[in-house]
Amino acid sequence: MNEPMVKISKGPMKVELPKDGLLNIIETSDGIIFKIQGGTEIIIQDLKMPTTTKQIISTSFMKVLKGSLTIDLLNYKAPVSISID
């Protein structure tokens, strides 16, 4: 069985890491923050990102216990896809 991964993309920017390396996803008023092990944060500022999109992203991370997540920050309607290997 493959290790679950999280893939985050926004246009040409792509980040891939083991799912257990992503500690938390925090919704902010102007975007979203990905907290990664070791004290690293990826801060995405996007004033146009709807609150529902932020909620889908953070809830998917908390609720999907198995499988890999692909997060597309440019797709506001369906920002997360799940792959269970």
C-alpha atoms as a PDB file:
ATOM      1  CA  MET A   1       0.000   0.000   0.000  1.00  0.00           C
ATOM      2  CA  ASN A   2       1.329   3.427  -0.936  1.00  0.00           C
ATOM      3  CA  GLU A   3       1.831   6.127   1.662  1.00  0.00           C
ATOM      4  CA  PRO A   4      -1.054   8.655   1.576  1.00  0.00           C
ATOM      5  CA  MET A   5       0.058  11.967   0.081  1.00  0.00           C
ATOM      6  CA  VAL A   6      -1.237  15.517  -0.101  1.00  0.00           C
ATOM      7  CA  LYS A   7      -0.751  17.380  -3.368  1.00  0.00           C
ATOM      8  CA  ILE A   8      -1.398  21.117  -3.329  1.00  0.00           C
ATOM      9  CA  SER A   9      -1.431  23.072  -6.570  1.00  0.00           C
ATOM     10  CA  LYS A  10      -2.198  26.600  -7.685  1.00  0.00           C
ATOM     11  CA  GLY A  11      -1.378  27.089 -11.338  1.00  0.00           C
ATOM     12  CA  PRO A  12       2.314  26.264 -11.871  1.00  0.00           C
ATOM     13  CA  MET A  13       3.016  25.975  -8.111  1.00  0.00           C
ATOM     14  CA  LYS A  14       2.870  22.364  -6.933  1.00  0.00           C
ATOM     15  CA  VAL A  15       3.737  20.928  -3.508  1.00  0.00           C
ATOM     16  CA  GLU A  16       3.585  17.236  -2.620  1.00  0.00           C
ATOM     17  CA  LEU A  17       4.199  15.785   0.826  1.00  0.00           C
ATOM     18  CA  PRO A  18       3.205  12.778   2.929  1.00  0.00           C
ATOM     19  CA  LYS A  19      -0.225  13.269   4.455  1.00  0.00           C
ATOM     20  CA  ASP A  20       1.137  12.863   7.982  1.00  0.00           C
ATOM     21  CA  GLY A  21       3.529  15.774   7.291  1.00  0.00           C
ATOM     22  CA  LEU A  22       0.617  18.195   6.987  1.00  0.00           C
ATOM     23  CA  LEU A  23      -0.426  19.131  10.508  1.00  0.00           C
ATOM     24  CA  ASN A  24      -3.336  21.469   9.930  1.00  0.00           C
ATOM     25  CA  ILE A  25      -5.208  23.617   7.430  1.00  0.00           C
ATOM     26  CA  ILE A  26      -6.442  26.946   8.753  1.00  0.00           C
ATOM     27  CA  GLU A  27      -9.035  29.138   7.066  1.00  0.00           C
ATOM     28  CA  THR A  28      -8.268  32.871   7.177  1.00  0.00           C
ATOM     29  CA  SER A  29     -10.252  35.904   6.096  1.00  0.00           C
ATOM     30  CA  ASP A  30      -7.999  36.390   3.069  1.00  0.00           C
ATOM     31  CA  GLY A  31      -7.085  32.814   2.145  1.00  0.00           C
ATOM     32  CA  ILE A  32      -5.832  29.608   3.713  1.00  0.00           C
ATOM     33  CA  ILE A  33      -2.744  28.396   5.621  1.00  0.00           C
ATOM     34  CA  PHE A  34      -1.180  24.931   5.394  1.00  0.00           C
ATOM     35  CA  LYS A  35       0.869  24.094   8.516  1.00  0.00           C
ATOM     36  CA  ILE A  36       3.604  21.537   7.839  1.00  0.00           C
ATOM     37  CA  GLN A  37       5.836  19.576  10.228  1.00  0.00           C
ATOM     38  CA  GLY A  38       9.012  21.377  11.181  1.00  0.00           C
ATOM     39  CA  GLY A  39       7.384  24.783  11.509  1.00  0.00           C
ATOM     40  CA  THR A  40       6.854  25.481   7.802  1.00  0.00           C
ATOM     41  CA  GLU A  41       3.701  27.259   6.683  1.00  0.00           C
ATOM     42  CA  ILE A  42       2.345  27.744   3.192  1.00  0.00           C
ATOM     43  CA  ILE A  43       0.225  30.885   3.218  1.00  0.00           C
ATOM     44  CA  ILE A  44      -2.160  31.338   0.307  1.00  0.00           C
ATOM     45  CA  GLN A  45      -3.658  34.806   0.039  1.00  0.00           C
ATOM     46  CA  ASP A  46      -6.687  34.790  -2.223  1.00  0.00           C
ATOM     47  CA  LEU A  47      -9.345  37.402  -1.497  1.00  0.00           C
ATOM     48  CA  LYS A  48     -11.651  35.828  -4.098  1.00  0.00           C
ATOM     49  CA  MET A  49     -11.611  32.336  -2.529  1.00  0.00           C
ATOM     50  CA  PRO A  50     -15.127  31.638  -1.206  1.00  0.00           C
ATOM     51  CA  THR A  51     -15.588  30.573   2.401  1.00  0.00           C
ATOM     52  CA  THR A  52     -17.232  27.354   1.204  1.00  0.00           C
ATOM     53  CA  THR A  53     -14.094  26.448  -0.754  1.00  0.00           C
ATOM     54  CA  LYS A  54     -11.934  26.976   2.341  1.00  0.00           C
ATOM     55  CA  GLN A  55     -14.338  24.839   4.384  1.00  0.00           C
ATOM     56  CA  ILE A  56     -14.260  22.007   1.832  1.00  0.00           C
ATOM     57  CA  ILE A  57     -10.446  21.997   1.871  1.00  0.00           C
ATOM     58  CA  SER A  58     -10.047  22.044   5.661  1.00  0.00           C
ATOM     59  CA  THR A  59     -12.885  19.590   6.314  1.00  0.00           C
ATOM     60  CA  SER A  60     -11.565  17.129   3.729  1.00  0.00           C
ATOM     61  CA  PHE A  61      -8.191  17.096   5.447  1.00  0.00           C
ATOM     62  CA  MET A  62      -9.742  16.476   8.881  1.00  0.00           C
ATOM     63  CA  LYS A  63     -12.366  13.912   7.837  1.00  0.00           C
ATOM     64  CA  VAL A  64     -10.615  11.793   5.188  1.00  0.00           C
ATOM     65  CA  LEU A  65      -8.567   9.359   7.243  1.00  0.00           C
ATOM     66  CA  LYS A  66      -7.419   7.070   4.427  1.00  0.00           C
ATOM     67  CA  GLY A  67      -6.220   7.924   0.973  1.00  0.00           C
ATOM     68  CA  SER A  68      -4.431  10.773  -0.720  1.00  0.00           C
ATOM     69  CA  LEU A  69      -5.762  14.286  -1.255  1.00  0.00           C
ATOM     70  CA  THR A  70      -5.234  16.503  -4.269  1.00  0.00           C
ATOM     71  CA  ILE A  71      -6.030  20.153  -3.558  1.00  0.00           C
ATOM     72  CA  ASP A  72      -6.455  22.486  -6.532  1.00  0.00           C
ATOM     73  CA  LEU A  73      -6.597  26.046  -5.221  1.00  0.00           C
ATOM     74  CA  LEU A  74      -7.820  27.422  -8.556  1.00  0.00           C
ATOM     75  CA  ASN A  75     -10.885  25.161  -8.633  1.00  0.00           C
ATOM     76  CA  TYR A  76     -13.331  26.876  -6.273  1.00  0.00           C
ATOM     77  CA  LYS A  77     -16.256  24.518  -7.002  1.00  0.00           C
ATOM     78  CA  ALA A  78     -14.468  21.186  -6.458  1.00  0.00           C
ATOM     79  CA  PRO A  79     -11.098  21.972  -4.841  1.00  0.00           C
ATOM     80  CA  VAL A  80     -10.388  18.510  -3.401  1.00  0.00           C
ATOM     81  CA  SER A  81     -10.197  15.084  -4.965  1.00  0.00           C
ATOM     82  CA  ILE A  82      -9.561  11.920  -2.973  1.00  0.00           C
ATOM     83  CA  SER A  83      -7.668   8.863  -4.142  1.00  0.00           C
ATOM     84  CA  ILE A  84      -7.864   5.679  -2.085  1.00  0.00           C
ATOM     85  CA  ASP A  85      -5.203   3.164  -3.106  1.00  0.00           C
END
